[in-house]
Amino acid sequence: MTARIAVPLPKAYLLLNHGPTVLVSSTHGERRNVMAAAWSMPLDFSPPKVAVVIDKATLTRELVEASGEFVLNVPSRAQAAMTLAVGTSDGRKVDKFCMPGVEALAASLVSAPLIAGCLAWLECRVIPEPHIQKAYDLFLGEVVAAWADPEVFSNGRWHFPDAERRSIHYLAGGSFFATGEPFEV
């Protein structure tokens, strides 16, 4: 099982503060899906809230609307090929959990699965805002549990041990960049 440590909810925003590409996992009934999303962000501290864009044409959108839950998973550079694959595949045509590198783990407070091997996980419950969901495909979520791999996040700080264990940022056309070296000013 992937190691993880609990992150205090008022500090959950730190898991997204550097703007990584995320994997949005969802489930409802017997159906589940995962998609890549480059547009997500923290919104508030207490209670912690996030925003993520989920296009109305996706299976993930259908599942999130039906369940009222989702997980934001923060993938690593080692997972870039898998991230691109789930981001460019249609969940209605292929079971993405049968794709290489996609392994589901049980979440603690929501039904949506965690994706194994990620750097961090934010379990979220949808904050209903029908207008922005319809008009902008924007979903707000309250973070109800947050986890991080202790090899890359502890004491409220990211510390990437090697190139493959860095978060990734989607540019376009299959291109990503990895988080660089931290520095203080």
Protein backbone atom coordinates (compact mmCIF):
# COMPACT_ATOMS: atom_id res chain seq x y z
CA MET A 1 0.00 0.00 0.00
CA THR A 2 1.16 3.54 -0.70
CA ALA A 3 2.42 5.32 2.43
CA ARG A 4 0.57 8.44 3.45
CA ILE A 5 0.33 10.81 6.39
CA ALA A 6 -2.65 12.84 7.48
CA VAL A 7 -2.46 16.52 6.63
CA PRO A 8 -4.32 18.89 8.98
CA LEU A 9 -7.33 20.23 7.07
CA PRO A 10 -6.40 23.92 7.61
CA LYS A 11 -3.11 23.08 5.81
CA ALA A 12 -4.68 21.04 2.98
CA TYR A 13 -4.37 24.02 0.62
CA LEU A 14 -0.59 23.54 0.70
CA LEU A 15 -1.01 20.30 -1.26
CA LEU A 16 -2.27 22.30 -4.27
CA ASN A 17 -0.67 25.68 -3.71
CA HIS A 18 2.03 25.11 -6.32
CA GLY A 19 -0.52 24.47 -9.07
CA PRO A 20 0.02 20.87 -10.11
CA THR A 21 -1.96 18.91 -12.66
CA VAL A 22 -4.37 16.68 -10.74
CA LEU A 23 -6.24 13.48 -11.37
CA VAL A 24 -9.94 13.79 -10.49
CA SER A 25 -11.34 10.43 -9.43
CA SER A 26 -15.03 9.76 -9.00
CA THR A 27 -17.52 6.96 -8.51
CA HIS A 28 -21.25 6.40 -8.35
CA GLY A 29 -22.92 3.03 -8.06
CA GLU A 30 -20.83 0.51 -9.98
CA ARG A 31 -19.20 3.12 -12.22
CA ARG A 32 -15.93 4.90 -11.56
CA ASN A 33 -13.60 7.11 -13.54
CA VAL A 34 -10.48 9.21 -13.37
CA MET A 35 -9.58 12.22 -15.53
CA ALA A 36 -6.69 14.67 -15.65
CA ALA A 37 -7.34 18.33 -14.82
CA ALA A 38 -4.91 21.20 -15.19
CA TRP A 39 -7.32 23.75 -13.70
CA SER A 40 -7.66 23.31 -9.97
CA MET A 41 -6.87 25.53 -7.02
CA PRO A 42 -7.29 26.01 -3.29
CA LEU A 43 -10.01 28.50 -2.29
CA ASP A 44 -10.17 28.75 1.48
CA PHE A 45 -8.53 27.61 4.71
CA SER A 46 -11.27 26.83 7.21
CA PRO A 47 -13.09 24.88 6.18
CA PRO A 48 -10.66 24.09 3.38
CA LYS A 49 -12.16 24.41 -0.09
CA VAL A 50 -10.93 23.74 -3.61
CA ALA A 51 -12.14 24.46 -7.14
CA VAL A 52 -11.72 22.26 -10.21
CA VAL A 53 -12.99 22.48 -13.77
CA ILE A 54 -14.85 19.33 -14.88
CA ASP A 55 -16.20 19.55 -18.43
CA LYS A 56 -19.86 18.72 -18.88
CA ALA A 57 -19.06 16.14 -21.59
CA THR A 58 -17.05 13.88 -19.27
CA LEU A 59 -18.04 10.75 -17.39
CA THR A 60 -16.31 12.24 -14.35
CA ARG A 61 -18.80 15.14 -14.42
CA GLU A 62 -21.73 12.71 -14.51
CA LEU A 63 -20.34 10.74 -11.57
CA VAL A 64 -19.46 13.81 -9.50
CA GLU A 65 -22.92 15.30 -10.02
CA ALA A 66 -24.55 11.99 -9.04
CA SER A 67 -22.36 11.27 -5.99
CA GLY A 68 -21.52 14.76 -4.73
CA GLU A 69 -17.92 13.65 -4.13
CA PHE A 70 -14.52 13.54 -5.80
CA VAL A 71 -10.84 13.15 -5.00
CA LEU A 72 -8.05 15.38 -6.26
CA ASN A 73 -4.96 13.19 -6.65
CA VAL A 74 -1.57 14.88 -7.23
CA PRO A 75 0.45 12.67 -9.62
CA SER A 76 4.23 12.56 -9.90
CA ARG A 77 6.54 12.88 -12.88
CA ALA A 78 6.80 9.09 -12.84
CA GLN A 79 3.04 9.06 -13.53
CA ALA A 80 3.08 11.55 -16.43
CA ALA A 81 2.39 8.97 -19.15
CA MET A 82 -0.51 7.54 -17.15
CA THR A 83 -1.81 11.07 -16.48
CA LEU A 84 -1.78 11.86 -20.20
CA ALA A 85 -3.45 8.52 -21.00
CA VAL A 86 -6.36 9.02 -18.59
CA GLY A 87 -6.64 12.64 -19.71
CA THR A 88 -7.00 11.72 -23.37
CA SER A 89 -9.24 8.64 -23.02
CA ASP A 90 -13.02 8.59 -22.79
CA GLY A 91 -14.22 6.89 -19.61
CA ARG A 92 -17.41 5.81 -21.38
CA LYS A 93 -15.36 3.79 -23.90
CA VAL A 94 -12.59 2.38 -21.71
CA ASP A 95 -12.24 1.41 -18.05
CA LYS A 96 -9.35 3.67 -17.09
CA PHE A 97 -8.72 1.57 -13.98
CA CYS A 98 -7.55 -1.21 -16.33
CA MET A 99 -4.91 1.10 -17.84
CA PRO A 100 -1.25 0.63 -16.84
CA GLY A 101 -0.37 2.48 -13.64
CA VAL A 102 -3.95 3.18 -12.54
CA GLU A 103 -4.60 1.48 -9.21
CA ALA A 104 -7.49 2.45 -6.93
CA LEU A 105 -7.15 2.68 -3.15
CA ALA A 106 -9.98 3.21 -0.70
CA ALA A 107 -10.47 6.77 0.51
CA SER A 108 -11.28 7.43 4.17
CA LEU A 109 -14.41 9.64 3.99
CA VAL A 110 -15.65 9.62 0.39
CA SER A 111 -16.54 6.80 -2.01
CA ALA A 112 -14.31 8.06 -4.85
CA PRO A 113 -11.01 6.17 -4.96
CA LEU A 114 -7.51 7.46 -4.32
CA ILE A 115 -5.00 6.76 -7.10
CA ALA A 116 -2.01 4.77 -5.84
CA GLY A 117 1.45 6.23 -6.22
CA CYS A 118 0.37 9.86 -6.16
CA LEU A 119 2.10 12.48 -4.06
CA ALA A 120 -1.04 13.77 -2.32
CA TRP A 121 -4.78 13.20 -2.11
CA LEU A 122 -7.66 15.52 -1.19
CA GLU A 123 -11.01 13.88 -0.48
CA CYS A 124 -13.78 16.36 -1.32
CA ARG A 125 -17.52 16.80 -1.05
CA VAL A 126 -19.18 19.03 -3.62
CA ILE A 127 -20.42 22.41 -2.45
CA PRO A 128 -23.48 22.81 -4.69
CA GLU A 129 -23.26 25.91 -6.87
CA PRO A 130 -25.49 25.03 -9.85
CA HIS A 131 -24.92 28.33 -11.66
CA ILE A 132 -21.11 28.12 -11.84
CA GLN A 133 -21.22 24.38 -12.50
CA LYS A 134 -23.49 24.92 -15.51
CA ALA A 135 -21.98 28.18 -16.77
CA TYR A 136 -18.28 27.52 -16.17
CA ASP A 137 -17.94 23.77 -15.50
CA LEU A 138 -16.47 24.86 -12.15
CA PHE A 139 -16.96 22.65 -9.13
CA LEU A 140 -16.28 23.72 -5.57
CA GLY A 141 -15.43 21.12 -3.00
CA GLU A 142 -14.93 21.07 0.74
CA VAL A 143 -11.83 19.09 1.60
CA VAL A 144 -12.90 16.54 4.22
CA ALA A 145 -9.61 14.57 4.37
CA ALA A 146 -6.14 15.29 3.02
CA TRP A 147 -3.16 12.98 2.72
CA ALA A 148 0.41 13.22 1.48
CA ASP A 149 3.28 10.84 0.83
CA PRO A 150 5.70 11.57 3.70
CA GLU A 151 8.68 11.17 1.34
CA VAL A 152 7.62 14.36 -0.47
CA PHE A 153 5.53 16.35 2.01
CA SER A 154 5.99 16.77 5.76
CA ASN A 155 5.96 19.55 8.34
CA GLY A 156 3.85 21.64 5.96
CA ARG A 157 6.48 21.63 3.19
CA TRP A 158 7.13 19.91 -0.12
CA HIS A 159 10.60 18.32 -0.38
CA PHE A 160 11.04 16.34 -3.56
CA PRO A 161 13.68 13.62 -3.09
CA ASP A 162 14.33 12.96 -6.80
CA ALA A 163 13.22 13.91 -10.32
CA GLU A 164 10.55 11.20 -10.59
CA ARG A 165 8.84 12.21 -7.32
CA ARG A 166 8.04 15.80 -8.34
CA SER A 167 4.59 17.12 -9.20
CA ILE A 168 3.82 17.82 -12.83
CA HIS A 169 2.24 20.76 -14.62
CA TYR A 170 0.49 20.38 -17.96
CA LEU A 171 1.39 22.83 -20.71
CA ALA A 172 -0.45 21.47 -23.80
CA GLY A 173 -0.01 18.95 -26.59
CA GLY A 174 1.26 16.23 -24.26
CA SER A 175 3.94 18.48 -22.72
CA PHE A 176 4.47 18.80 -18.99
CA PHE A 177 7.09 20.32 -16.75
CA ALA A 178 8.06 19.09 -13.30
CA THR A 179 8.23 21.22 -10.18
CA GLY A 180 11.72 22.67 -9.79
CA GLU A 181 13.97 23.08 -6.81
CA PRO A 182 12.51 24.94 -3.84
CA PHE A 183 14.22 28.12 -2.67
CA GLU A 184 13.66 30.79 -0.04
CA VAL A 185 13.95 34.55 -0.34
